[in-house]
Amino acid sequence: MIWYEVPYGVSLVILTVSLMSGVQQSIVVLEASELLQPRAVRRVRLHYSLLAIVSLVMFLELVMAVASIEGGIYLRISRLPRLIALLPPLHGIWCLYHPLALPESLRPAAAGFWLSLFCLPLEFLLPAPLAALTVCFAITWFTLDAAHTLLTFQAYRRNELTRSIIPHMVRDIDYGLCVANPRGWIIEMNPAFTTLCTRIGLPVADHIGAFDQALIERQAKNFLEISDLGEQLAIRQGETSYTLRRQSFRTGHRCYTQLSLSDTTLLSQTSHSLQSENNELAERNQALEQVIARLTQEETAHERERICRMAHDAWSQQLAIAGLSVDMLIRQTGSPVGADKLSELNAVLDMTRAEESALLPGNLDKTVARLAQSYGQLGVTTIVTGQANFTSLQEESLKPVLREAFANAVRHAYARSIEIHFFKDQYKTGMEIRNDTLDSSPDIAEGRGLHDMRVRVCQAGGSIHFSKQTRFSLTITFERTGEDELDENHSD
């Protein structure tokens, strides 16, 4: 090669590129030994070894040329080593008849077999500048091709590493995998598939048809219970259960069949346990709903009972007062009652609930005084003796009892005198109501009024006793405890 006067920087770049080309091609030779099969690696290593020698020869020639120019000393450069550039094309001709058994991405570029011809001494055929440019182009192409090949080898190594790891992963998973070719012959299965088939009693056959036939036969003999779930089969053998899934996939133009067999005993037991808990919870919810319904009915009944008691108490007292009023008017005038007096009595019967509730002020003493005053104006004498202490709850139950007792004494016994006696000792406290009766028979017909009294007293924690001889007696008793917070409502 004849070297022309060129800038030193350009010479240095060309020199560096030629050196890098040889170094990269040498690295490709070393990398190929770690990736390819022995027969293929010899072919690839031979190709890039020849290119590395060509690059080394060109690098040495460039070094001598640059030294001659920069040193001002003419050094004769032999053209004979350039003939090494004929070896890559000869290897390329051999490869045309004996192709490399390599993936497309790893095959050397076809241009690499022929570009080395640009490195031959062509000065006598081409102008000197053009010959130098073709050599530079060849060296640049060799450098880029070596870099591209190295990157391809790295990508191939990662893919091959992944492919080598996957079989180990498949063999270590705990569910079985089996792959059959388009004709049904099993080409691969992992140890888990063999183990699970042995548990079920299925033969490890070479054809997938034999596996299906054995499955049907064991089902016919009631050794297995098989349920079709659409995309998979649920297999049950005693207390154990399995799931068999059949899928198809394509690789290129071929369609393969994959069987996935897994042990779902634990999942099935967990599912049954959850189902049992859900059923038990549903039963408890149903029982709770029934209890709530009964409570609602009881609450409704209690509310109806309360309203009835309130209505009965109100009308009972109003009728008693109205009866006494009519009796007084008759005794005072000795003649039939006029329309104006009857209007006043009608107003009493039409008294609203708010007005009627005013007959029961918040204090038990006031309630007794109010009742005594109301009935006293109608000719009924009220005598109060003794003292007792009651809780707030007990007082609330005694007030309507007093009102009903006054009304019953006037309406049924036509009593004109009512005695109220409060008593207490270390163990009990209570109240006794006495009034005259029309007869001395001990029989007592417990009507609505007496029934309501008993209910109210029992709800407050007390007891009630009725007796009748010459006088009617109603006794209410409450047990005293240390936890009761008693109010001093009565005095001597």
Protein backbone atom coordinates (compact mmCIF):
# COMPACT_ATOMS: atom_id res chain seq x y z
CA MET A 1 0.00 0.00 0.00
CA ILE A 2 1.23 3.49 -0.85
CA TRP A 3 0.51 5.94 1.90
CA TYR A 4 -0.22 9.52 0.91
CA GLU A 5 0.21 12.68 2.78
CA VAL A 6 -2.80 12.96 5.04
CA PRO A 7 -3.30 14.85 8.32
CA TYR A 8 -1.86 13.10 11.35
CA GLY A 9 -5.24 13.02 13.09
CA VAL A 10 -6.84 11.14 10.20
CA SER A 11 -3.96 8.68 10.18
CA LEU A 12 -4.39 8.13 13.91
CA VAL A 13 -8.13 7.46 13.52
CA ILE A 14 -7.58 4.95 10.72
CA LEU A 15 -4.84 3.29 12.78
CA THR A 16 -7.14 3.02 15.82
CA VAL A 17 -10.05 1.63 13.79
CA SER A 18 -7.89 -1.07 12.24
CA LEU A 19 -6.54 -2.06 15.65
CA MET A 20 -10.06 -2.18 17.18
CA SER A 21 -11.27 -4.31 14.28
CA GLY A 22 -8.62 -6.97 14.96
CA VAL A 23 -9.23 -6.87 18.72
CA GLN A 24 -13.01 -7.22 18.39
CA GLN A 25 -12.69 -10.07 15.92
CA SER A 26 -10.40 -11.86 18.35
CA ILE A 27 -12.99 -11.40 21.11
CA VAL A 28 -15.66 -12.83 18.81
CA VAL A 29 -13.50 -15.93 18.38
CA LEU A 30 -13.31 -16.36 22.17
CA GLU A 31 -17.03 -15.66 22.76
CA ALA A 32 -18.11 -18.16 20.12
CA SER A 33 -16.51 -21.01 22.07
CA GLU A 34 -18.90 -20.36 25.00
CA LEU A 35 -22.10 -20.24 22.96
CA LEU A 36 -22.04 -22.57 19.97
CA GLN A 37 -21.87 -26.33 19.48
CA PRO A 38 -18.36 -27.79 18.82
CA ARG A 39 -18.87 -28.32 15.08
CA ALA A 40 -20.37 -24.88 14.48
CA VAL A 41 -17.91 -23.09 16.73
CA ARG A 42 -14.95 -24.26 14.62
CA ARG A 43 -16.47 -22.73 11.51
CA VAL A 44 -17.27 -19.40 13.17
CA ARG A 45 -13.93 -19.21 14.95
CA LEU A 46 -12.12 -19.95 11.67
CA HIS A 47 -14.01 -17.18 9.86
CA TYR A 48 -13.32 -14.49 12.44
CA SER A 49 -9.75 -15.70 12.96
CA LEU A 50 -9.04 -15.14 9.28
CA LEU A 51 -10.62 -11.68 9.46
CA ALA A 52 -8.56 -10.90 12.57
CA ILE A 53 -5.35 -11.86 10.72
CA VAL A 54 -6.37 -9.66 7.79
CA SER A 55 -7.04 -6.77 10.17
CA LEU A 56 -3.70 -7.34 11.92
CA VAL A 57 -1.81 -7.29 8.62
CA MET A 58 -3.51 -4.05 7.64
CA PHE A 59 -2.77 -2.57 11.06
CA LEU A 60 0.97 -3.38 10.77
CA GLU A 61 1.10 -1.95 7.26
CA LEU A 62 -0.61 1.24 8.50
CA VAL A 63 1.88 1.51 11.36
CA MET A 64 4.81 1.30 8.96
CA ALA A 65 3.22 3.82 6.58
CA VAL A 66 2.56 6.34 9.35
CA ALA A 67 6.08 5.86 10.69
CA SER A 68 7.55 6.48 7.24
CA ILE A 69 5.59 9.67 6.77
CA GLU A 70 6.11 11.05 10.24
CA GLY A 71 9.77 10.02 10.48
CA GLY A 72 10.76 11.04 6.99
CA ILE A 73 12.37 7.61 6.40
CA TYR A 74 11.21 5.48 3.55
CA LEU A 75 10.37 1.96 4.67
CA ARG A 76 9.62 -0.62 2.05
CA ILE A 77 6.31 -2.35 2.70
CA SER A 78 5.94 -5.91 1.42
CA ARG A 79 2.70 -6.73 -0.40
CA LEU A 80 2.97 -10.46 0.21
CA PRO A 81 1.19 -10.59 3.62
CA ARG A 82 -1.84 -9.04 1.97
CA LEU A 83 -2.46 -12.33 0.18
CA ILE A 84 -3.98 -13.57 3.46
CA ALA A 85 -7.05 -11.63 2.30
CA LEU A 86 -7.78 -14.48 -0.16
CA LEU A 87 -8.51 -16.96 2.65
CA PRO A 88 -11.88 -15.52 3.83
CA PRO A 89 -13.38 -15.70 0.30
CA LEU A 90 -12.19 -19.30 -0.04
CA HIS A 91 -13.89 -20.10 3.28
CA GLY A 92 -17.01 -18.38 2.03
CA ILE A 93 -17.08 -20.59 -1.07
CA TRP A 94 -16.81 -23.65 1.24
CA CYS A 95 -19.74 -22.37 3.32
CA LEU A 96 -21.90 -22.06 0.21
CA TYR A 97 -21.80 -25.84 -0.16
CA HIS A 98 -21.71 -26.61 3.57
CA PRO A 99 -24.04 -24.11 5.34
CA LEU A 100 -23.57 -23.35 8.99
CA ALA A 101 -26.17 -24.96 11.27
CA LEU A 102 -26.74 -21.77 13.24
CA PRO A 103 -29.66 -19.51 14.10
CA GLU A 104 -30.12 -16.73 11.58
CA SER A 105 -29.02 -14.09 14.09
CA LEU A 106 -25.67 -15.84 14.71
CA ARG A 107 -24.64 -16.51 11.13
CA PRO A 108 -21.75 -14.32 9.91
CA ALA A 109 -22.73 -11.69 7.35
CA ALA A 110 -22.13 -12.86 3.76
CA ALA A 111 -20.31 -9.60 2.92
CA GLY A 112 -17.65 -10.47 5.50
CA PHE A 113 -16.42 -13.33 3.32
CA TRP A 114 -15.77 -11.06 0.30
CA LEU A 115 -14.83 -7.59 1.58
CA SER A 116 -11.33 -8.76 2.45
CA LEU A 117 -10.60 -8.67 -1.31
CA PHE A 118 -10.46 -4.85 -0.98
CA CYS A 119 -7.28 -5.31 1.05
CA LEU A 120 -5.35 -6.87 -1.86
CA PRO A 121 -2.70 -4.76 -3.73
CA LEU A 122 -4.96 -3.16 -6.30
CA GLU A 123 -2.88 -0.06 -6.99
CA PHE A 124 -2.09 -1.29 -10.47
CA LEU A 125 -5.80 -1.67 -11.27
CA LEU A 126 -7.31 1.32 -9.44
CA PRO A 127 -6.13 4.86 -8.84
CA ALA A 128 -4.07 5.02 -5.66
CA PRO A 129 -6.52 7.26 -3.72
CA LEU A 130 -9.43 4.96 -4.61
CA ALA A 131 -7.52 1.85 -3.52
CA ALA A 132 -6.77 3.51 -0.17
CA LEU A 133 -10.44 4.39 0.29
CA THR A 134 -11.60 0.82 -0.42
CA VAL A 135 -9.16 -0.49 2.19
CA CYS A 136 -10.44 2.04 4.76
CA PHE A 137 -14.02 1.07 3.95
CA ALA A 138 -13.23 -2.63 4.46
CA ILE A 139 -11.55 -2.00 7.79
CA THR A 140 -14.49 0.15 9.00
CA TRP A 141 -16.99 -2.50 7.95
CA PHE A 142 -15.03 -5.24 9.75
CA THR A 143 -15.05 -3.13 12.91
CA LEU A 144 -18.81 -2.55 12.83
CA ASP A 145 -19.52 -6.18 11.97
CA ALA A 146 -17.42 -7.41 14.92
CA ALA A 147 -19.22 -5.03 17.31
CA HIS A 148 -22.63 -6.15 16.00
CA THR A 149 -21.67 -9.83 16.35
CA LEU A 150 -20.57 -9.31 19.95
CA LEU A 151 -23.90 -7.66 20.84
CA THR A 152 -25.79 -10.50 19.10
CA PHE A 153 -23.82 -13.07 21.12
CA GLN A 154 -24.73 -11.28 24.36
CA ALA A 155 -28.44 -11.28 23.51
CA TYR A 156 -28.24 -14.94 22.47
CA ARG A 157 -26.54 -15.81 25.76
CA ARG A 158 -29.38 -14.22 27.76
CA ASN A 159 -31.99 -16.11 25.74
CA GLU A 160 -30.15 -19.39 26.06
CA LEU A 161 -29.73 -18.84 29.79
CA THR A 162 -33.48 -18.32 30.14
CA ARG A 163 -34.18 -21.46 28.10
CA SER A 164 -31.81 -23.48 30.25
CA ILE A 165 -33.43 -22.27 33.47
CA ILE A 166 -37.05 -22.89 32.42
CA PRO A 167 -36.78 -26.72 32.42
CA HIS A 168 -35.48 -26.64 35.99
CA MET A 169 -38.35 -24.36 36.99
CA VAL A 170 -40.90 -26.63 35.30
CA ARG A 171 -39.50 -29.72 37.01
CA ASP A 172 -39.58 -28.10 40.45
CA ILE A 173 -43.19 -26.86 40.39
CA ASP A 174 -45.74 -28.81 42.44
CA TYR A 175 -48.32 -29.41 39.67
CA GLY A 176 -47.94 -31.70 36.72
CA LEU A 177 -47.30 -30.64 33.14
CA CYS A 178 -47.47 -32.87 30.07
CA VAL A 179 -47.02 -31.86 26.41
CA ALA A 180 -48.12 -33.97 23.43
CA ASN A 181 -47.33 -33.41 19.74
CA PRO A 182 -50.00 -33.00 17.03
CA ARG A 183 -50.30 -36.81 16.71
CA GLY A 184 -50.94 -37.22 20.44
CA TRP A 185 -47.56 -38.65 21.42
CA ILE A 186 -46.28 -37.34 24.72
CA ILE A 187 -42.95 -35.62 24.19
CA GLU A 188 -42.34 -34.17 27.66
CA MET A 189 -43.70 -34.40 31.21
CA ASN A 190 -42.35 -33.21 34.53
CA PRO A 191 -41.92 -35.43 37.64
CA ALA A 192 -44.96 -33.88 39.34
CA PHE A 193 -47.22 -35.14 36.52
CA THR A 194 -45.89 -38.68 36.96
CA THR A 195 -46.37 -38.53 40.74
CA LEU A 196 -49.95 -37.25 40.51
CA CYS A 197 -50.87 -39.84 37.87
CA THR A 198 -49.57 -42.57 40.17
CA ARG A 199 -51.75 -41.27 43.02
CA ILE A 200 -54.85 -41.38 40.84
CA GLY A 201 -53.95 -44.79 39.47
CA LEU A 202 -53.43 -43.67 35.87
CA PRO A 203 -50.66 -45.19 33.72
CA VAL A 204 -47.84 -42.98 32.52
CA ALA A 205 -48.48 -43.77 28.85
CA ASP A 206 -46.64 -42.64 25.75
CA HIS A 207 -49.82 -41.48 24.01
CA ILE A 208 -52.35 -39.01 25.33
CA GLY A 209 -55.19 -41.22 24.06
CA ALA A 210 -54.15 -44.00 26.45
CA PHE A 211 -54.22 -41.50 29.30
CA ASP A 212 -57.77 -40.41 28.40
CA GLN A 213 -58.94 -44.03 28.01
CA ALA A 214 -57.57 -44.98 31.43
CA LEU A 215 -59.35 -41.99 32.94
CA ILE A 216 -62.68 -43.09 31.44
CA GLU A 217 -62.21 -46.71 32.60
CA ARG A 218 -61.50 -45.71 36.20
CA GLN A 219 -64.57 -43.50 36.17
CA ALA A 220 -66.70 -46.38 34.86
CA LYS A 221 -65.44 -48.59 37.72
CA ASN A 222 -66.36 -45.84 40.23
CA PHE A 223 -62.75 -45.44 41.27
CA LEU A 224 -62.95 -41.77 40.32
CA GLU A 225 -65.65 -39.11 40.31
CA ILE A 226 -65.19 -36.77 37.36
CA SER A 227 -67.12 -33.53 36.87
CA ASP A 228 -66.85 -31.49 33.69
CA LEU A 229 -66.40 -27.81 34.58
CA GLY A 230 -66.11 -26.61 30.99
CA GLU A 231 -62.46 -25.76 30.50
CA GLN A 232 -61.28 -28.28 33.10
CA LEU A 233 -62.20 -31.55 34.83
CA ALA A 234 -62.66 -31.94 38.57
CA ILE A 235 -61.44 -35.39 39.66
CA ARG A 236 -62.25 -36.78 43.09
CA GLN A 237 -60.79 -39.93 44.62
CA GLY A 238 -61.94 -40.52 48.17
CA GLU A 239 -60.95 -37.53 50.26
CA THR A 240 -58.52 -36.17 47.66
CA SER A 241 -59.42 -34.01 44.68
CA TYR A 242 -57.55 -33.00 41.53
CA THR A 243 -58.03 -30.63 38.60
CA LEU A 244 -57.12 -31.58 35.01
CA ARG A 245 -56.89 -28.81 32.44
CA ARG A 246 -56.35 -29.36 28.69
CA GLN A 247 -55.00 -26.56 26.51
CA SER A 248 -53.68 -26.23 22.96
CA PHE A 249 -50.94 -23.96 21.69
CA ARG A 250 -49.06 -23.43 18.46
CA THR A 251 -45.35 -23.33 17.75
CA GLY A 252 -44.82 -22.36 14.16
CA HIS A 253 -47.24 -24.43 12.09
CA ARG A 254 -47.62 -27.23 14.63
CA CYS A 255 -50.31 -27.47 17.28
CA TYR A 256 -49.42 -29.06 20.62
CA THR A 257 -51.59 -30.21 23.53
CA GLN A 258 -50.75 -29.45 27.14
CA LEU A 259 -52.23 -31.21 30.17
CA SER A 260 -52.04 -29.53 33.58
CA LEU A 261 -52.78 -31.76 36.59
CA SER A 262 -52.84 -30.28 40.09
CA ASP A 263 -53.75 -31.49 43.58
CA THR A 264 -56.59 -29.32 44.89
CA THR A 265 -57.37 -31.30 48.05
CA LEU A 266 -56.38 -28.50 50.38
CA LEU A 267 -58.29 -25.93 48.35
CA SER A 268 -61.35 -28.19 48.28
CA GLN A 269 -61.24 -28.73 52.03
CA THR A 270 -60.88 -25.01 52.59
CA SER A 271 -63.81 -24.36 50.24
CA HIS A 272 -66.02 -26.90 52.05
CA SER A 273 -65.03 -25.42 55.39
CA LEU A 274 -65.93 -21.93 54.21
CA GLN A 275 -69.21 -23.23 52.77
CA SER A 276 -70.07 -24.89 56.08
CA GLU A 277 -69.28 -21.69 57.95
CA ASN A 278 -71.42 -19.72 55.50
CA ASN A 279 -74.32 -22.16 55.95
CA GLU A 280 -73.97 -21.97 59.73
CA LEU A 281 -73.84 -18.19 59.53
CA ALA A 282 -76.96 -18.19 57.34
CA GLU A 283 -78.77 -20.39 59.87
CA ARG A 284 -77.73 -18.08 62.70
CA ASN A 285 -78.89 -15.07 60.72
CA GLN A 286 -82.22 -16.75 60.09
CA ALA A 287 -82.58 -17.60 63.79
CA LEU A 288 -81.63 -14.03 64.67
CA GLU A 289 -84.21 -12.69 62.24
CA GLN A 290 -86.83 -14.90 63.86
CA VAL A 291 -85.81 -13.67 67.33
CA ILE A 292 -85.98 -10.07 66.11
CA ALA A 293 -89.40 -10.75 64.60
CA ARG A 294 -90.61 -12.24 67.88
CA LEU A 295 -89.15 -9.33 69.82
CA THR A 296 -90.87 -6.95 67.45
CA GLN A 297 -94.16 -8.78 67.92
CA GLU A 298 -93.68 -8.76 71.68
CA GLU A 299 -92.78 -5.09 71.63
CA THR A 300 -95.85 -4.40 69.53
CA ALA A 301 -97.98 -6.40 71.93
CA HIS A 302 -96.51 -4.58 74.92
CA GLU A 303 -97.10 -1.24 73.26
CA ARG A 304 -100.69 -2.23 72.47
CA GLU A 305 -101.10 -3.38 76.06
CA ARG A 306 -99.68 -0.08 77.33
CA ILE A 307 -102.03 1.96 75.15
CA CYS A 308 -104.97 -0.13 76.29
CA ARG A 309 -104.02 0.40 79.93
CA MET A 310 -103.69 4.13 79.40
CA ALA A 311 -107.06 4.32 77.65
CA HIS A 312 -108.71 2.17 80.29
CA ASP A 313 -107.27 4.25 83.14
CA ALA A 314 -108.28 7.52 81.55
CA TRP A 315 -111.85 6.46 80.73
CA SER A 316 -112.29 4.65 84.02
CA GLN A 317 -111.49 7.76 86.03
CA GLN A 318 -113.50 10.02 83.77
CA LEU A 319 -116.54 7.75 84.05
CA ALA A 320 -116.13 7.53 87.83
CA ILE A 321 -115.96 11.32 88.15
CA ALA A 322 -118.87 11.75 85.77
CA GLY A 323 -120.95 9.22 87.73
CA LEU A 324 -120.26 10.95 91.02
CA SER A 325 -121.10 14.30 89.47
CA VAL A 326 -124.45 13.03 88.22
CA ASP A 327 -125.16 11.43 91.60
CA MET A 328 -124.43 14.71 93.41
CA LEU A 329 -126.59 16.71 91.04
CA ILE A 330 -129.49 14.35 91.57
CA ARG A 331 -129.16 14.47 95.34
CA GLN A 332 -128.85 18.26 95.34
CA THR A 333 -131.80 19.06 93.05
CA GLY A 334 -134.03 16.03 93.42
CA SER A 335 -135.00 16.48 89.78
CA PRO A 336 -133.65 15.40 86.39
CA VAL A 337 -130.37 16.96 85.31
CA GLY A 338 -130.61 19.86 82.92
CA ALA A 339 -128.89 20.23 79.55
CA ASP A 340 -126.30 22.69 80.85
CA LYS A 341 -125.14 20.25 83.53
CA LEU A 342 -124.93 17.43 81.02
CA SER A 343 -122.75 19.64 78.80
CA GLU A 344 -120.32 20.06 81.69
CA LEU A 345 -120.24 16.29 82.16
CA ASN A 346 -119.67 15.78 78.42
CA ALA A 347 -116.68 18.15 78.63
CA VAL A 348 -115.25 15.92 81.35
CA LEU A 349 -115.65 12.83 79.13
CA ASP A 350 -114.01 14.67 76.19
CA MET A 351 -110.96 15.67 78.23
CA THR A 352 -107.80 15.44 76.16
CA ARG A 353 -104.85 13.24 77.04
CA ALA A 354 -102.71 16.27 77.97
CA GLU A 355 -105.36 17.47 80.41
CA GLU A 356 -105.86 13.97 81.76
CA SER A 357 -102.13 13.46 82.34
CA ALA A 358 -102.16 16.53 84.58
CA LEU A 359 -103.91 14.32 87.14
CA LEU A 360 -100.57 12.53 87.62
CA PRO A 361 -97.97 15.11 88.67
CA GLY A 362 -94.36 14.03 89.11
CA ASN A 363 -94.47 13.48 92.89
CA LEU A 364 -96.40 10.61 94.52
CA ASP A 365 -97.58 12.81 97.40
CA LYS A 366 -98.95 15.35 94.92
CA THR A 367 -100.70 12.61 93.00
CA VAL A 368 -102.41 11.37 96.19
CA ALA A 369 -103.36 14.94 97.12
CA ARG A 370 -104.74 15.66 93.64
CA LEU A 371 -106.82 12.48 93.61
CA ALA A 372 -108.07 13.15 97.16
CA GLN A 373 -109.04 16.71 96.16
CA SER A 374 -110.80 15.66 92.93
CA TYR A 375 -112.84 12.92 94.58
CA GLY A 376 -113.32 14.95 97.78
CA GLN A 377 -115.25 17.56 95.80
CA LEU A 378 -117.60 14.73 94.77
CA GLY A 379 -118.21 13.47 98.33
CA VAL A 380 -115.45 10.86 98.69
CA THR A 381 -113.28 11.03 101.81
CA THR A 382 -109.60 10.07 101.51
CA ILE A 383 -107.57 9.09 104.60
CA VAL A 384 -103.76 8.79 104.25
CA THR A 385 -101.61 7.21 107.00
CA GLY A 386 -98.05 5.93 107.40
CA GLN A 387 -94.97 6.64 105.30
CA ALA A 388 -92.76 4.78 102.88
CA ASN A 389 -89.87 5.32 100.50
CA PHE A 390 -90.07 4.31 96.85
CA THR A 391 -87.72 4.45 93.87
CA SER A 392 -88.58 6.51 90.83
CA LEU A 393 -89.62 3.41 88.91
CA GLN A 394 -91.85 2.26 91.75
CA GLU A 395 -93.47 5.69 92.00
CA GLU A 396 -94.22 5.72 88.26
CA SER A 397 -96.02 2.38 88.63
CA LEU A 398 -97.94 3.44 91.78
CA LYS A 399 -99.46 6.58 90.30
CA PRO A 400 -101.70 4.87 87.72
CA VAL A 401 -102.46 2.14 90.30
CA LEU A 402 -103.77 4.80 92.71
CA ARG A 403 -105.85 6.36 89.99
CA GLU A 404 -107.36 3.01 89.00
CA ALA A 405 -107.97 2.06 92.68
CA PHE A 406 -109.92 5.30 93.27
CA ALA A 407 -111.95 4.77 90.09
CA ASN A 408 -112.77 1.12 90.92
CA ALA A 409 -113.76 1.97 94.51
CA VAL A 410 -116.25 4.60 93.31
CA ARG A 411 -117.59 2.79 90.22
CA HIS A 412 -117.94 -0.79 91.51
CA ALA A 413 -118.19 -0.45 95.32
CA TYR A 414 -119.87 2.99 95.43
CA ALA A 415 -117.37 3.76 98.21
CA ARG A 416 -117.52 7.12 99.94
CA SER A 417 -114.39 6.57 102.01
CA ILE A 418 -110.95 5.43 100.79
CA GLU A 419 -107.97 4.72 103.09
CA ILE A 420 -104.35 4.77 101.92
CA HIS A 421 -101.78 3.32 104.31
CA PHE A 422 -98.02 3.48 103.53
CA PHE A 423 -95.72 1.06 105.40
CA LYS A 424 -92.05 0.09 105.46
CA ASP A 425 -89.62 -2.01 107.47
CA GLN A 426 -86.10 -3.37 107.07
CA TYR A 427 -87.06 -5.77 104.27
CA LYS A 428 -89.99 -4.30 102.41
CA THR A 429 -91.96 -1.18 101.67
CA GLY A 430 -95.39 -0.79 100.24
CA MET A 431 -98.87 0.63 100.20
CA GLU A 432 -102.35 -0.64 101.14
CA ILE A 433 -105.62 0.81 99.75
CA ARG A 434 -108.88 -0.03 101.52
CA ASN A 435 -112.50 0.91 100.80
CA ASP A 436 -116.00 -0.24 101.74
CA THR A 437 -117.85 -2.81 99.60
CA LEU A 438 -121.50 -3.52 98.84
CA ASP A 439 -121.32 -7.19 99.85
CA SER A 440 -119.17 -9.35 102.11
CA SER A 441 -118.50 -12.11 99.54
CA PRO A 442 -114.77 -12.95 99.35
CA ASP A 443 -114.97 -13.61 95.60
CA ILE A 444 -113.12 -11.11 93.45
CA ALA A 445 -113.56 -10.93 89.69
CA GLU A 446 -110.23 -9.70 88.30
CA GLY A 447 -111.22 -7.49 85.44
CA ARG A 448 -109.22 -5.24 83.19
CA GLY A 449 -108.45 -2.72 85.90
CA LEU A 450 -107.02 -5.21 88.41
CA HIS A 451 -105.09 -6.97 85.62
CA ASP A 452 -103.44 -3.69 84.57
CA MET A 453 -102.51 -2.96 88.19
CA ARG A 454 -100.82 -6.36 88.53
CA VAL A 455 -98.86 -5.88 85.29
CA ARG A 456 -97.61 -2.43 86.28
CA VAL A 457 -96.52 -3.52 89.77
CA CYS A 458 -94.78 -6.66 88.49
CA GLN A 459 -92.88 -4.64 85.88
CA ALA A 460 -91.59 -2.42 88.69
CA GLY A 461 -90.43 -5.48 90.65
CA GLY A 462 -93.25 -5.64 93.20
CA SER A 463 -96.16 -7.87 94.09
CA ILE A 464 -99.84 -7.14 94.54
CA HIS A 465 -102.50 -8.86 96.65
CA PHE A 466 -106.31 -8.44 96.57
CA SER A 467 -108.70 -9.42 99.37
CA LYS A 468 -112.36 -8.68 100.18
CA GLN A 469 -114.56 -9.29 103.24
CA THR A 470 -116.40 -6.39 104.75
CA ARG A 471 -113.87 -4.16 103.03
CA PHE A 472 -111.88 -4.43 99.83
CA SER A 473 -108.08 -4.36 100.37
CA LEU A 474 -105.37 -3.90 97.75
CA THR A 475 -101.80 -4.39 99.07
CA ILE A 476 -98.67 -3.56 97.04
CA THR A 477 -95.26 -4.68 98.33
CA PHE A 478 -91.72 -4.02 97.09
CA GLU A 479 -88.61 -5.77 98.42
CA ARG A 480 -85.92 -3.43 99.77
CA THR A 481 -82.25 -3.90 98.78
CA GLY A 482 -79.07 -2.02 99.62
CA GLU A 483 -78.61 -1.01 95.98
CA ASP A 484 -81.95 0.85 95.74
CA GLU A 485 -81.61 4.61 95.72
CA LEU A 486 -84.70 5.64 97.68
CA ASP A 487 -86.16 9.11 97.83
CA GLU A 488 -87.85 10.44 100.94
CA ASN A 489 -91.24 11.20 99.43
CA HIS A 490 -93.37 10.86 102.54
CA SER A 491 -93.13 12.17 106.09
CA ASP A 492 -94.90 11.22 109.33
